[in-house]
Amino acid sequence: MDGGILAESQVETLRHAARELRLRTIANSSKTGTPHLGSCLSCMDLLVFLYWQVLKIDPANPRAPTRDRFILSKGHAAPALFQVLAEKGFYPRSWLDNYGENGSIFAEHPPAPSHLAGIEAATGSLGHGLPLGLGMALASRINKLDYNVYAVLSDGECNEGSNWEAALLAAAQKVSNLTIFIDYNKWQATGRSNEVLGLAPLADKWRAFGWRTEEIDGHDFTAMARVLAEGKGDERPKAVIAHTVKGKGVSFMEDDNNWHYRIPTEEEVRKSAQELGLEVVS
């Protein structure tokens, strides 16, 4: 990535990785009965972009003091993150074979950081990822360490007042090494996000709280690279409102909130593989 411009070969690499990881996540949901599939698929492109293009974390030394920090604040999308971390070499993919079984470290949400490489916080109680990320970003200043902190939040998670308290503090302290991506898929557990609470206009709210705020297509890798490049040098914390589609990548899952909890059948896994242009995962 040079100056925020991705080569077409880079974009195709990211697209292929996202397709592969979508299918593995779908197959895992079917095999283990793990829910929140739609939420995993909506943020997969964001995770792939961050881990392939942005985050400076060495899988061989995942606790290095100067590593970038990533927090999946929407912890219910952990099945997607687990696949990403395995693909990037934080642990062998074979570790995922016992996913969901008694004694497995892999469940519906991220475990404690001490239990699995690549995890910075046990999340899933929504509204905590941003405050934690803010603390980590401030710690870099206090400890004179050069690293950046990134977090992915859900739109429904913006219902939580803890996020807005953290937003006020981050702006006041000019925490420029803190960036959040909001997975704005327009759904939460029981309904449309903008019907449950008045989130819209979401970008204007973050701007009013003092953040550098941009809106993008959350499935467009080129747009992701551009907004991060344009934000360099700005002393404000950064919020990227990523407009996404819940269940992205599989037509019969897209924008269908039933897939917040529903588990795919083996036949639906095969149909998903066909739509993604991939072989069925065994």
Foldseek 3Di string as FASTA:
>chain_A
DPLLADDPVRVVVLLVVLLVLLLVLQVLCQVQVQAQSLVLNFQLSVLSLCVVPNWAADLVCRVPPQGAAEAAQQFQNVSSVVSVCCVNPNDPPVLCVCANHPPRCHGRGHDDCVPGRPHDHTHNPALVRLVVQLVSLVVCVVVVHDYAYEYEAELLSVVDPSNLVSLLVQQVVLSARYEYEYSDQQDDQPGGSCVVDPCPVVQVVSVVSRAAEEEDASNDSSVVSNVVSVSPPRSGYYYYYHHTWRVPQQVVGTNDSVRNNDRDHPVVSCSSCVSSVHDRDD
